[in-house]
């Protein structure tokens, strides 16, 4: 249940919880526009930012951005806007931890992969929780460094149809749009953000696991006809599950979206690939794994997505063995 915050105050302070590549990028965009931002991240990342600033790496060069950073979740206490960017598997635990710390009128925006995170956060947080669809290609090649490879825009919306008709919520979402507009980050309000999350999940399912298993960028994947055929099979399975879940997606638009990603971000390696390369747990259970679980509930066969989940999990286990200290 959402709080009734009364008259909405301007969004003066943003805190990024789980400041990896995506969270650090959007936090840096706000900070370089003069907005108050604190990144909450891992110790090595925080130490590097405190020492040298956040190094925002563009195709044209490196831009140092001065920004506050900490490892302490207590930073959310004075936040008007929380950008919730933790890995999907950590949503419940982190939401539970920040819930008693948040201002009554705070906004929590989930900038995460998958379709379930806003609901997971809202189970613990009574404040406004906004699902967000993230379109940006980033990576963190070293602590304190974020490389931008393409795009950098968001789609936000209400979690359900009832909330979509709430005038107060509409005003609060517009405040988020205005905040990011000042930083030249396009943010669009969608009347069906959950449907758009399914569209994004479809694209992630088509690329993330295959990029992870091959450790290749999107442009290299689509150059191989056999990979494009596999992607088409993945898309057909996701379309069937989304339809069963009440989110019918347009097949032609879905195919176009998959093609557009490789064209817009040919050099991007998926976040799943980056996790595998570092021996970290991936979010495969919240990507292709979500499709497989939801499909089973509807009696839908998803053999290609199921195979990709199994292979990524196998690669994860091998990666953990390689990264175990001697």
C-alpha atoms as a PDB file:
ATOM      1  CA  UNK A   1       0.000   0.000   0.000  1.00  0.00           C
ATOM      2  CA  UNK A   2       1.340   3.429  -0.896  1.00  0.00           C
ATOM      3  CA  UNK A   3       1.644   6.263   1.582  1.00  0.00           C
ATOM      4  CA  UNK A   4      -0.323   9.486   1.204  1.00  0.00           C
ATOM      5  CA  UNK A   5       2.489  12.011   1.210  1.00  0.00           C
ATOM      6  CA  UNK A   6       0.342  15.127   1.057  1.00  0.00           C
ATOM      7  CA  UNK A   7       1.721  18.084  -0.849  1.00  0.00           C
ATOM      8  CA  UNK A   8       4.622  16.859  -2.911  1.00  0.00           C
ATOM      9  CA  UNK A   9       7.982  18.485  -2.245  1.00  0.00           C
ATOM     10  CA  UNK A  10      10.553  19.015  -4.999  1.00  0.00           C
ATOM     11  CA  UNK A  11      12.997  16.152  -5.477  1.00  0.00           C
ATOM     12  CA  UNK A  12      16.093  17.663  -3.920  1.00  0.00           C
ATOM     13  CA  UNK A  13      18.113  14.572  -2.974  1.00  0.00           C
ATOM     14  CA  UNK A  14      18.579  11.315  -4.909  1.00  0.00           C
ATOM     15  CA  UNK A  15      20.203   8.204  -3.466  1.00  0.00           C
ATOM     16  CA  UNK A  16      21.238   5.298  -5.678  1.00  0.00           C
ATOM     17  CA  UNK A  17      21.042   1.983  -3.821  1.00  0.00           C
ATOM     18  CA  UNK A  18      23.167  -0.679  -5.489  1.00  0.00           C
ATOM     19  CA  UNK A  19      25.351   1.661  -7.497  1.00  0.00           C
ATOM     20  CA  UNK A  20      26.804  -0.573 -10.169  1.00  0.00           C
ATOM     21  CA  UNK A  21      27.153   0.449 -13.798  1.00  0.00           C
ATOM     22  CA  UNK A  22      23.507   1.443 -14.388  1.00  0.00           C
ATOM     23  CA  UNK A  23      22.911   3.199 -11.078  1.00  0.00           C
ATOM     24  CA  UNK A  24      26.247   5.002 -11.181  1.00  0.00           C
ATOM     25  CA  UNK A  25      25.566   6.223 -14.717  1.00  0.00           C
ATOM     26  CA  UNK A  26      22.181   7.762 -13.916  1.00  0.00           C
ATOM     27  CA  UNK A  27      23.474   9.119 -10.610  1.00  0.00           C
ATOM     28  CA  UNK A  28      26.395  10.715 -12.413  1.00  0.00           C
ATOM     29  CA  UNK A  29      24.110  12.289 -14.998  1.00  0.00           C
ATOM     30  CA  UNK A  30      22.130  13.966 -12.209  1.00  0.00           C
ATOM     31  CA  UNK A  31      25.268  15.021 -10.310  1.00  0.00           C
ATOM     32  CA  UNK A  32      26.922  16.597 -13.345  1.00  0.00           C
ATOM     33  CA  UNK A  33      23.727  18.688 -13.720  1.00  0.00           C
ATOM     34  CA  UNK A  34      24.213  20.016 -10.208  1.00  0.00           C
ATOM     35  CA  UNK A  35      21.735  17.740  -8.425  1.00  0.00           C
ATOM     36  CA  UNK A  36      22.398  16.293  -4.958  1.00  0.00           C
ATOM     37  CA  UNK A  37      23.181  12.602  -5.356  1.00  0.00           C
ATOM     38  CA  UNK A  38      24.685   9.906  -3.151  1.00  0.00           C
ATOM     39  CA  UNK A  39      25.763   6.535  -4.496  1.00  0.00           C
ATOM     40  CA  UNK A  40      25.507   3.524  -2.180  1.00  0.00           C
ATOM     41  CA  UNK A  41      27.824   0.832  -3.454  1.00  0.00           C
ATOM     42  CA  UNK A  42      30.606  -1.621  -2.761  1.00  0.00           C
ATOM     43  CA  UNK A  43      33.652  -0.491  -0.800  1.00  0.00           C
ATOM     44  CA  UNK A  44      36.158  -0.532  -3.686  1.00  0.00           C
ATOM     45  CA  UNK A  45      33.821   1.515  -5.909  1.00  0.00           C
ATOM     46  CA  UNK A  46      33.138   4.013  -3.118  1.00  0.00           C
ATOM     47  CA  UNK A  47      36.817   4.413  -2.251  1.00  0.00           C
ATOM     48  CA  UNK A  48      37.745   5.070  -5.881  1.00  0.00           C
ATOM     49  CA  UNK A  49      34.970   7.678  -6.244  1.00  0.00           C
ATOM     50  CA  UNK A  50      35.974   9.446  -3.045  1.00  0.00           C
ATOM     51  CA  UNK A  51      39.579   9.558  -4.215  1.00  0.00           C
ATOM     52  CA  UNK A  52      39.224  10.472  -7.894  1.00  0.00           C
ATOM     53  CA  UNK A  53      35.550  11.189  -8.528  1.00  0.00           C
ATOM     54  CA  UNK A  54      33.441   8.934 -10.728  1.00  0.00           C
ATOM     55  CA  UNK A  55      35.175   8.491 -14.076  1.00  0.00           C
ATOM     56  CA  UNK A  56      32.412   8.622 -16.689  1.00  0.00           C
ATOM     57  CA  UNK A  57      33.877   7.145 -19.861  1.00  0.00           C
ATOM     58  CA  UNK A  58      32.249   8.366 -23.093  1.00  0.00           C
ATOM     59  CA  UNK A  59      33.262   7.470 -26.644  1.00  0.00           C
ATOM     60  CA  UNK A  60      34.769  10.984 -26.824  1.00  0.00           C
ATOM     61  CA  UNK A  61      36.808  10.727 -23.633  1.00  0.00           C
ATOM     62  CA  UNK A  62      36.661  10.510 -19.837  1.00  0.00           C
ATOM     63  CA  UNK A  63      34.717  12.973 -17.700  1.00  0.00           C
ATOM     64  CA  UNK A  64      35.370  13.028 -13.933  1.00  0.00           C
ATOM     65  CA  UNK A  65      32.162  13.620 -11.959  1.00  0.00           C
ATOM     66  CA  UNK A  66      32.277  14.683  -8.323  1.00  0.00           C
ATOM     67  CA  UNK A  67      29.590  12.784  -6.444  1.00  0.00           C
ATOM     68  CA  UNK A  68      29.015  11.601  -2.880  1.00  0.00           C
ATOM     69  CA  UNK A  69      29.454   7.888  -2.261  1.00  0.00           C
ATOM     70  CA  UNK A  70      29.072   5.583   0.724  1.00  0.00           C
ATOM     71  CA  UNK A  71      28.667   1.927   1.618  1.00  0.00           C
ATOM     72  CA  UNK A  72      25.953   2.713   4.201  1.00  0.00           C
ATOM     73  CA  UNK A  73      22.256   2.241   3.435  1.00  0.00           C
ATOM     74  CA  UNK A  74      21.532   4.896   6.077  1.00  0.00           C
ATOM     75  CA  UNK A  75      22.081   7.392   3.261  1.00  0.00           C
ATOM     76  CA  UNK A  76      18.469   6.844   2.156  1.00  0.00           C
ATOM     77  CA  UNK A  77      17.141   8.610   5.292  1.00  0.00           C
ATOM     78  CA  UNK A  78      17.032  12.049   3.632  1.00  0.00           C
ATOM     79  CA  UNK A  79      16.314  10.873   0.077  1.00  0.00           C
ATOM     80  CA  UNK A  80      13.376  12.252  -1.864  1.00  0.00           C
ATOM     81  CA  UNK A  81      14.081   9.762  -4.670  1.00  0.00           C
ATOM     82  CA  UNK A  82      15.714   6.350  -4.311  1.00  0.00           C
ATOM     83  CA  UNK A  83      16.980   4.683  -7.478  1.00  0.00           C
ATOM     84  CA  UNK A  84      16.839   1.010  -6.520  1.00  0.00           C
ATOM     85  CA  UNK A  85      19.483  -0.748  -8.626  1.00  0.00           C
ATOM     86  CA  UNK A  86      20.463  -3.877  -6.692  1.00  0.00           C
ATOM     87  CA  UNK A  87      20.569  -7.282  -8.360  1.00  0.00           C
ATOM     88  CA  UNK A  88      17.109  -8.808  -8.610  1.00  0.00           C
ATOM     89  CA  UNK A  89      17.966 -11.641  -6.215  1.00  0.00           C
ATOM     90  CA  UNK A  90      18.673  -9.043  -3.511  1.00  0.00           C
ATOM     91  CA  UNK A  91      15.468  -7.014  -3.924  1.00  0.00           C
ATOM     92  CA  UNK A  92      13.599  -8.501  -0.972  1.00  0.00           C
ATOM     93  CA  UNK A  93      16.474  -8.278   1.485  1.00  0.00           C
ATOM     94  CA  UNK A  94      17.518  -4.723   0.587  1.00  0.00           C
ATOM     95  CA  UNK A  95      13.931  -3.438   0.434  1.00  0.00           C
ATOM     96  CA  UNK A  96      13.327  -4.874   3.906  1.00  0.00           C
ATOM     97  CA  UNK A  97      16.474  -3.145   5.174  1.00  0.00           C
ATOM     98  CA  UNK A  98      15.705   0.314   3.810  1.00  0.00           C
ATOM     99  CA  UNK A  99      11.969   0.254   4.595  1.00  0.00           C
ATOM    100  CA  UNK A 100      12.269   1.694   8.151  1.00  0.00           C
ATOM    101  CA  UNK A 101      14.775   4.318   7.013  1.00  0.00           C
ATOM    102  CA  UNK A 102      12.779   5.999   4.235  1.00  0.00           C
ATOM    103  CA  UNK A 103      10.970   9.316   4.479  1.00  0.00           C
ATOM    104  CA  UNK A 104       7.198   8.945   4.359  1.00  0.00           C
ATOM    105  CA  UNK A 105       7.077  10.854   1.067  1.00  0.00           C
ATOM    106  CA  UNK A 106      10.051   9.205  -0.628  1.00  0.00           C
ATOM    107  CA  UNK A 107       9.747   7.735  -4.126  1.00  0.00           C
ATOM    108  CA  UNK A 108      11.465   4.424  -4.850  1.00  0.00           C
ATOM    109  CA  UNK A 109      12.114   3.685  -8.532  1.00  0.00           C
ATOM    110  CA  UNK A 110      13.182   0.158  -9.507  1.00  0.00           C
ATOM    111  CA  UNK A 111      15.855   0.387 -12.235  1.00  0.00           C
ATOM    112  CA  UNK A 112      16.325  -3.383 -12.457  1.00  0.00           C
ATOM    113  CA  UNK A 113      16.118  -6.240 -14.902  1.00  0.00           C
ATOM    114  CA  UNK A 114      13.018  -8.416 -14.888  1.00  0.00           C
ATOM    115  CA  UNK A 115       9.304  -7.886 -14.298  1.00  0.00           C
ATOM    116  CA  UNK A 116       8.926  -8.737 -10.601  1.00  0.00           C
ATOM    117  CA  UNK A 117      11.125  -6.260  -8.740  1.00  0.00           C
ATOM    118  CA  UNK A 118       8.693  -3.417  -8.075  1.00  0.00           C
ATOM    119  CA  UNK A 119       6.276  -5.893  -6.522  1.00  0.00           C
ATOM    120  CA  UNK A 120       9.055  -7.382  -4.390  1.00  0.00           C
ATOM    121  CA  UNK A 121      10.033  -3.921  -3.130  1.00  0.00           C
ATOM    122  CA  UNK A 122       6.424  -2.930  -2.449  1.00  0.00           C
ATOM    123  CA  UNK A 123       5.991  -5.960  -0.176  1.00  0.00           C
ATOM    124  CA  UNK A 124       8.253  -4.181   2.317  1.00  0.00           C
ATOM    125  CA  UNK A 125       8.097  -0.486   1.391  1.00  0.00           C
ATOM    126  CA  UNK A 126       4.877   1.491   1.957  1.00  0.00           C
ATOM    127  CA  UNK A 127       6.095   4.494  -0.038  1.00  0.00           C
ATOM    128  CA  UNK A 128       5.478   5.059  -3.739  1.00  0.00           C
ATOM    129  CA  UNK A 129       7.245   2.362  -5.772  1.00  0.00           C
ATOM    130  CA  UNK A 130       7.678   2.954  -9.493  1.00  0.00           C
ATOM    131  CA  UNK A 131       8.699   0.275 -11.990  1.00  0.00           C
ATOM    132  CA  UNK A 132      11.177   1.631 -14.528  1.00  0.00           C
ATOM    133  CA  UNK A 133      12.298   0.265 -17.868  1.00  0.00           C
ATOM    134  CA  UNK A 134      15.978   1.058 -18.392  1.00  0.00           C
ATOM    135  CA  UNK A 135      17.511   1.569 -21.804  1.00  0.00           C
ATOM    136  CA  UNK A 136      21.238   2.123 -21.458  1.00  0.00           C
ATOM    137  CA  UNK A 137      24.389   0.228 -22.386  1.00  0.00           C
ATOM    138  CA  UNK A 138      26.997   0.572 -19.650  1.00  0.00           C
ATOM    139  CA  UNK A 139      29.702  -1.395 -17.934  1.00  0.00           C
ATOM    140  CA  UNK A 140      31.991  -0.896 -14.949  1.00  0.00           C
ATOM    141  CA  UNK A 141      35.472  -1.949 -16.116  1.00  0.00           C
ATOM    142  CA  UNK A 142      37.041  -0.966 -12.789  1.00  0.00           C
ATOM    143  CA  UNK A 143      35.937   0.483  -9.444  1.00  0.00           C
ATOM    144  CA  UNK A 144      35.080   4.152  -9.852  1.00  0.00           C
ATOM    145  CA  UNK A 145      34.772   3.873 -13.650  1.00  0.00           C
ATOM    146  CA  UNK A 146      31.565   3.644 -15.710  1.00  0.00           C
ATOM    147  CA  UNK A 147      31.749   3.243 -19.489  1.00  0.00           C
ATOM    148  CA  UNK A 148      28.774   4.365 -21.576  1.00  0.00           C
ATOM    149  CA  UNK A 149      28.135   2.459 -24.823  1.00  0.00           C
ATOM    150  CA  UNK A 150      24.704   3.655 -25.880  1.00  0.00           C
ATOM    151  CA  UNK A 151      21.362   5.288 -25.074  1.00  0.00           C
ATOM    152  CA  UNK A 152      20.478   6.426 -21.551  1.00  0.00           C
ATOM    153  CA  UNK A 153      16.710   6.800 -21.112  1.00  0.00           C
ATOM    154  CA  UNK A 154      13.980   5.514 -18.805  1.00  0.00           C
ATOM    155  CA  UNK A 155      10.290   4.637 -18.922  1.00  0.00           C
ATOM    156  CA  UNK A 156       8.314   4.832 -15.673  1.00  0.00           C
ATOM    157  CA  UNK A 157       4.709   4.178 -14.736  1.00  0.00           C
ATOM    158  CA  UNK A 158       2.233   2.988 -12.120  1.00  0.00           C
ATOM    159  CA  UNK A 159       2.386  -0.591 -10.880  1.00  0.00           C
ATOM    160  CA  UNK A 160      -1.284  -1.260 -11.659  1.00  0.00           C
ATOM    161  CA  UNK A 161      -4.321   0.240 -13.411  1.00  0.00           C
ATOM    162  CA  UNK A 162      -5.832   1.605 -10.193  1.00  0.00           C
ATOM    163  CA  UNK A 163      -2.692   3.554  -9.331  1.00  0.00           C
ATOM    164  CA  UNK A 164      -2.474   4.827 -12.906  1.00  0.00           C
ATOM    165  CA  UNK A 165      -5.587   6.948 -12.279  1.00  0.00           C
ATOM    166  CA  UNK A 166      -4.175   8.563  -9.118  1.00  0.00           C
ATOM    167  CA  UNK A 167      -3.627  12.302  -9.690  1.00  0.00           C
ATOM    168  CA  UNK A 168      -1.108  12.543  -6.848  1.00  0.00           C
ATOM    169  CA  UNK A 169       0.942   9.712  -8.319  1.00  0.00           C
ATOM    170  CA  UNK A 170       0.826  11.364 -11.736  1.00  0.00           C
ATOM    171  CA  UNK A 171       2.239  14.550 -10.208  1.00  0.00           C
ATOM    172  CA  UNK A 172       5.003  12.614  -8.471  1.00  0.00           C
ATOM    173  CA  UNK A 173       5.968  10.825 -11.679  1.00  0.00           C
ATOM    174  CA  UNK A 174       6.093  14.180 -13.473  1.00  0.00           C
ATOM    175  CA  UNK A 175       8.502  15.398 -10.781  1.00  0.00           C
ATOM    176  CA  UNK A 176      10.787  12.483 -11.659  1.00  0.00           C
ATOM    177  CA  UNK A 177      10.530  13.351 -15.349  1.00  0.00           C
ATOM    178  CA  UNK A 178      11.406  16.988 -14.600  1.00  0.00           C
ATOM    179  CA  UNK A 179      14.369  16.058 -12.397  1.00  0.00           C
ATOM    180  CA  UNK A 180      15.952  13.923 -15.104  1.00  0.00           C
ATOM    181  CA  UNK A 181      15.074  16.404 -17.853  1.00  0.00           C
ATOM    182  CA  UNK A 182      17.344  18.915 -16.104  1.00  0.00           C
ATOM    183  CA  UNK A 183      20.125  16.343 -16.550  1.00  0.00           C
ATOM    184  CA  UNK A 184      19.222  15.734 -20.210  1.00  0.00           C
ATOM    185  CA  UNK A 185      18.033  12.195 -19.437  1.00  0.00           C
ATOM    186  CA  UNK A 186      14.778  11.421 -21.279  1.00  0.00           C
ATOM    187  CA  UNK A 187      12.131   9.849 -19.040  1.00  0.00           C
ATOM    188  CA  UNK A 188       8.728   8.857 -20.419  1.00  0.00           C
ATOM    189  CA  UNK A 189       5.612   8.029 -18.402  1.00  0.00           C
ATOM    190  CA  UNK A 190       3.856   4.924 -19.728  1.00  0.00           C
ATOM    191  CA  UNK A 191       0.220   3.961 -19.200  1.00  0.00           C
ATOM    192  CA  UNK A 192       1.338   0.300 -19.296  1.00  0.00           C
ATOM    193  CA  UNK A 193       4.817   0.136 -17.829  1.00  0.00           C
ATOM    194  CA  UNK A 194       4.391  -3.550 -16.890  1.00  0.00           C
ATOM    195  CA  UNK A 195       3.744  -4.365 -20.544  1.00  0.00           C
ATOM    196  CA  UNK A 196       6.870  -2.414 -21.436  1.00  0.00           C
ATOM    197  CA  UNK A 197       8.812  -4.373 -18.814  1.00  0.00           C
ATOM    198  CA  UNK A 198       7.735  -7.551 -20.601  1.00  0.00           C
ATOM    199  CA  UNK A 199       8.945  -6.056 -23.881  1.00  0.00           C
ATOM    200  CA  UNK A 200      12.319  -5.306 -22.290  1.00  0.00           C
ATOM    201  CA  UNK A 201      12.419  -8.797 -20.747  1.00  0.00           C
ATOM    202  CA  UNK A 202      11.864 -10.237 -24.221  1.00  0.00           C
ATOM    203  CA  UNK A 203      14.884  -8.348 -25.564  1.00  0.00           C
ATOM    204  CA  UNK A 204      16.998  -9.358 -22.564  1.00  0.00           C
ATOM    205  CA  UNK A 205      16.031 -12.990 -23.062  1.00  0.00           C
ATOM    206  CA  UNK A 206      17.090 -12.771 -26.707  1.00  0.00           C
ATOM    207  CA  UNK A 207      20.552 -11.371 -25.935  1.00  0.00           C
ATOM    208  CA  UNK A 208      21.777 -11.703 -22.358  1.00  0.00           C
ATOM    209  CA  UNK A 209      22.323 -15.432 -22.029  1.00  0.00           C
ATOM    210  CA  UNK A 210      23.752 -15.870 -25.546  1.00  0.00           C
ATOM    211  CA  UNK A 211      26.153 -12.960 -25.015  1.00  0.00           C
ATOM    212  CA  UNK A 212      27.126 -14.461 -21.650  1.00  0.00           C
ATOM    213  CA  UNK A 213      27.813 -17.928 -22.977  1.00  0.00           C
ATOM    214  CA  UNK A 214      29.825 -16.623 -25.928  1.00  0.00           C
ATOM    215  CA  UNK A 215      31.326 -13.556 -24.163  1.00  0.00           C
ATOM    216  CA  UNK A 216      30.619 -11.667 -27.385  1.00  0.00           C
ATOM    217  CA  UNK A 217      28.910  -8.310 -28.064  1.00  0.00           C
ATOM    218  CA  UNK A 218      25.494  -7.954 -29.623  1.00  0.00           C
ATOM    219  CA  UNK A 219      26.766  -7.060 -33.086  1.00  0.00           C
ATOM    220  CA  UNK A 220      28.766 -10.289 -33.296  1.00  0.00           C
ATOM    221  CA  UNK A 221      25.769 -12.359 -32.178  1.00  0.00           C
ATOM    222  CA  UNK A 222      23.392 -11.187 -34.884  1.00  0.00           C
ATOM    223  CA  UNK A 223      26.038 -11.641 -37.602  1.00  0.00           C
ATOM    224  CA  UNK A 224      25.533 -15.404 -37.312  1.00  0.00           C
ATOM    225  CA  UNK A 225      22.314 -16.754 -38.924  1.00  0.00           C
ATOM    226  CA  UNK A 226      22.129 -19.630 -36.444  1.00  0.00           C
ATOM    227  CA  UNK A 227      22.097 -17.189 -33.524  1.00  0.00           C
ATOM    228  CA  UNK A 228      19.385 -15.082 -35.143  1.00  0.00           C
ATOM    229  CA  UNK A 229      17.307 -18.244 -35.561  1.00  0.00           C
ATOM    230  CA  UNK A 230      17.785 -19.057 -31.887  1.00  0.00           C
ATOM    231  CA  UNK A 231      16.746 -15.530 -30.942  1.00  0.00           C
ATOM    232  CA  UNK A 232      13.569 -15.882 -32.985  1.00  0.00           C
ATOM    233  CA  UNK A 233      12.728 -19.064 -31.067  1.00  0.00           C
ATOM    234  CA  UNK A 234      13.354 -17.296 -27.749  1.00  0.00           C
ATOM    235  CA  UNK A 235      11.091 -14.430 -28.808  1.00  0.00           C
ATOM    236  CA  UNK A 236       8.252 -16.738 -29.817  1.00  0.00           C
ATOM    237  CA  UNK A 237       8.388 -18.451 -26.427  1.00  0.00           C
ATOM    238  CA  UNK A 238       8.387 -15.141 -24.526  1.00  0.00           C
ATOM    239  CA  UNK A 239       5.483 -13.841 -26.622  1.00  0.00           C
ATOM    240  CA  UNK A 240       3.422 -16.909 -25.721  1.00  0.00           C
ATOM    241  CA  UNK A 241       4.123 -16.526 -21.995  1.00  0.00           C
ATOM    242  CA  UNK A 242       3.508 -12.768 -21.971  1.00  0.00           C
ATOM    243  CA  UNK A 243       0.166 -13.345 -23.708  1.00  0.00           C
ATOM    244  CA  UNK A 244      -0.790 -15.925 -21.074  1.00  0.00           C
ATOM    245  CA  UNK A 245       0.181 -13.445 -18.353  1.00  0.00           C
ATOM    246  CA  UNK A 246      -2.178 -10.828 -19.778  1.00  0.00           C
ATOM    247  CA  UNK A 247       0.396  -8.772 -21.654  1.00  0.00           C
ATOM    248  CA  UNK A 248      -0.051  -9.499 -25.372  1.00  0.00           C
ATOM    249  CA  UNK A 249       2.921  -8.052 -27.228  1.00  0.00           C
ATOM    250  CA  UNK A 250       2.960  -7.256 -30.920  1.00  0.00           C
ATOM    251  CA  UNK A 251       5.173  -9.852 -32.674  1.00  0.00           C
ATOM    252  CA  UNK A 252       6.350  -7.447 -35.376  1.00  0.00           C
ATOM    253  CA  UNK A 253       7.241  -4.792 -32.789  1.00  0.00           C
ATOM    254  CA  UNK A 254       9.035  -7.415 -30.690  1.00  0.00           C
ATOM    255  CA  UNK A 255      11.135  -8.553 -33.662  1.00  0.00           C
ATOM    256  CA  UNK A 256      11.942  -4.945 -34.527  1.00  0.00           C
ATOM    257  CA  UNK A 257      13.001  -4.232 -30.936  1.00  0.00           C
ATOM    258  CA  UNK A 258      15.388  -7.186 -30.954  1.00  0.00           C
ATOM    259  CA  UNK A 259      16.917  -6.018 -34.245  1.00  0.00           C
ATOM    260  CA  UNK A 260      17.181  -2.423 -33.014  1.00  0.00           C
ATOM    261  CA  UNK A 261      19.215  -3.310 -29.932  1.00  0.00           C
ATOM    262  CA  UNK A 262      22.064  -4.838 -31.935  1.00  0.00           C
ATOM    263  CA  UNK A 263      22.004  -1.880 -34.321  1.00  0.00           C
ATOM    264  CA  UNK A 264      22.058   0.674 -31.489  1.00  0.00           C
ATOM    265  CA  UNK A 265      24.549  -1.165 -29.230  1.00  0.00           C
ATOM    266  CA  UNK A 266      26.731  -3.419 -31.428  1.00  0.00           C
ATOM    267  CA  UNK A 267      29.688  -3.274 -29.015  1.00  0.00           C
ATOM    268  CA  UNK A 268      27.673  -3.995 -25.858  1.00  0.00           C
ATOM    269  CA  UNK A 269      28.280  -7.182 -23.881  1.00  0.00           C
ATOM    270  CA  UNK A 270      25.321  -8.129 -21.697  1.00  0.00           C
ATOM    271  CA  UNK A 271      25.254  -7.635 -17.930  1.00  0.00           C
ATOM    272  CA  UNK A 272      24.925 -11.414 -17.654  1.00  0.00           C
ATOM    273  CA  UNK A 273      28.163 -11.785 -19.624  1.00  0.00           C
ATOM    274  CA  UNK A 274      29.886  -9.248 -17.376  1.00  0.00           C
ATOM    275  CA  UNK A 275      28.749 -11.139 -14.261  1.00  0.00           C
ATOM    276  CA  UNK A 276      29.945 -14.473 -15.652  1.00  0.00           C
ATOM    277  CA  UNK A 277      33.334 -13.033 -16.596  1.00  0.00           C
ATOM    278  CA  UNK A 278      33.814 -11.827 -13.007  1.00  0.00           C
ATOM    279  CA  UNK A 279      32.618 -15.045 -11.402  1.00  0.00           C
ATOM    280  CA  UNK A 280      29.571 -13.289  -9.938  1.00  0.00           C
ATOM    281  CA  UNK A 281      26.015 -14.671  -9.717  1.00  0.00           C
ATOM    282  CA  UNK A 282      23.946 -13.683 -12.739  1.00  0.00           C
ATOM    283  CA  UNK A 283      20.321 -12.606 -12.942  1.00  0.00           C
ATOM    284  CA  UNK A 284      19.378 -15.471 -15.250  1.00  0.00           C
ATOM    285  CA  UNK A 285      16.627 -16.621 -12.856  1.00  0.00           C
ATOM    286  CA  UNK A 286      14.975 -13.212 -13.290  1.00  0.00           C
ATOM    287  CA  UNK A 287      15.390 -13.147 -17.077  1.00  0.00           C
ATOM    288  CA  UNK A 288      14.943 -16.364 -19.082  1.00  0.00           C
ATOM    289  CA  UNK A 289      14.252 -18.102 -15.774  1.00  0.00           C
ATOM    290  CA  UNK A 290      11.141 -15.964 -15.226  1.00  0.00           C
ATOM    291  CA  UNK A 291       9.846 -17.029 -18.631  1.00  0.00           C
ATOM    292  CA  UNK A 292      10.444 -20.707 -17.839  1.00  0.00           C
ATOM    293  CA  UNK A 293       8.689 -20.495 -14.445  1.00  0.00           C
ATOM    294  CA  UNK A 294       5.697 -18.533 -15.722  1.00  0.00           C
ATOM    295  CA  UNK A 295       5.435 -20.860 -18.728  1.00  0.00           C
ATOM    296  CA  UNK A 296       5.246 -23.920 -16.489  1.00  0.00           C
ATOM    297  CA  UNK A 297       2.294 -22.376 -14.624  1.00  0.00           C
ATOM    298  CA  UNK A 298       0.438 -22.032 -17.935  1.00  0.00           C
ATOM    299  CA  UNK A 299       1.481 -25.366 -19.425  1.00  0.00           C
ATOM    300  CA  UNK A 300       3.580 -23.684 -22.126  1.00  0.00           C
ATOM    301  CA  UNK A 301       6.745 -25.328 -23.450  1.00  0.00           C
ATOM    302  CA  UNK A 302       9.840 -23.081 -23.515  1.00  0.00           C
ATOM    303  CA  UNK A 303      12.687 -25.430 -24.476  1.00  0.00           C
ATOM    304  CA  UNK A 304      15.059 -22.757 -25.835  1.00  0.00           C
ATOM    305  CA  UNK A 305      14.756 -20.489 -22.804  1.00  0.00           C
ATOM    306  CA  UNK A 306      15.075 -23.540 -20.554  1.00  0.00           C
ATOM    307  CA  UNK A 307      18.267 -24.608 -22.319  1.00  0.00           C
ATOM    308  CA  UNK A 308      19.769 -21.130 -21.988  1.00  0.00           C
ATOM    309  CA  UNK A 309      18.995 -21.062 -18.255  1.00  0.00           C
ATOM    310  CA  UNK A 310      20.635 -24.457 -17.760  1.00  0.00           C
ATOM    311  CA  UNK A 311      23.751 -23.486 -19.727  1.00  0.00           C
ATOM    312  CA  UNK A 312      24.207 -20.159 -17.912  1.00  0.00           C
ATOM    313  CA  UNK A 313      23.830 -21.911 -14.562  1.00  0.00           C
ATOM    314  CA  UNK A 314      26.440 -24.454 -15.638  1.00  0.00           C
ATOM    315  CA  UNK A 315      28.793 -21.623 -16.654  1.00  0.00           C
ATOM    316  CA  UNK A 316      28.102 -19.910 -13.312  1.00  0.00           C
ATOM    317  CA  UNK A 317      29.136 -23.007 -11.378  1.00  0.00           C
ATOM    318  CA  UNK A 318      32.318 -23.320 -13.440  1.00  0.00           C
ATOM    319  CA  UNK A 319      33.049 -19.629 -12.862  1.00  0.00           C
ATOM    320  CA  UNK A 320      32.670 -19.987  -9.106  1.00  0.00           C
ATOM    321  CA  UNK A 321      35.180 -22.831  -9.160  1.00  0.00           C
ATOM    322  CA  UNK A 322      37.660 -20.752 -11.190  1.00  0.00           C
ATOM    323  CA  UNK A 323      37.355 -17.766  -8.839  1.00  0.00           C
ATOM    324  CA  UNK A 324      37.709 -19.674  -5.553  1.00  0.00           C
ATOM    325  CA  UNK A 325      40.880 -18.388  -3.803  1.00  0.00           C
ATOM    326  CA  UNK A 326      43.670 -20.947  -3.571  1.00  0.00           C
END
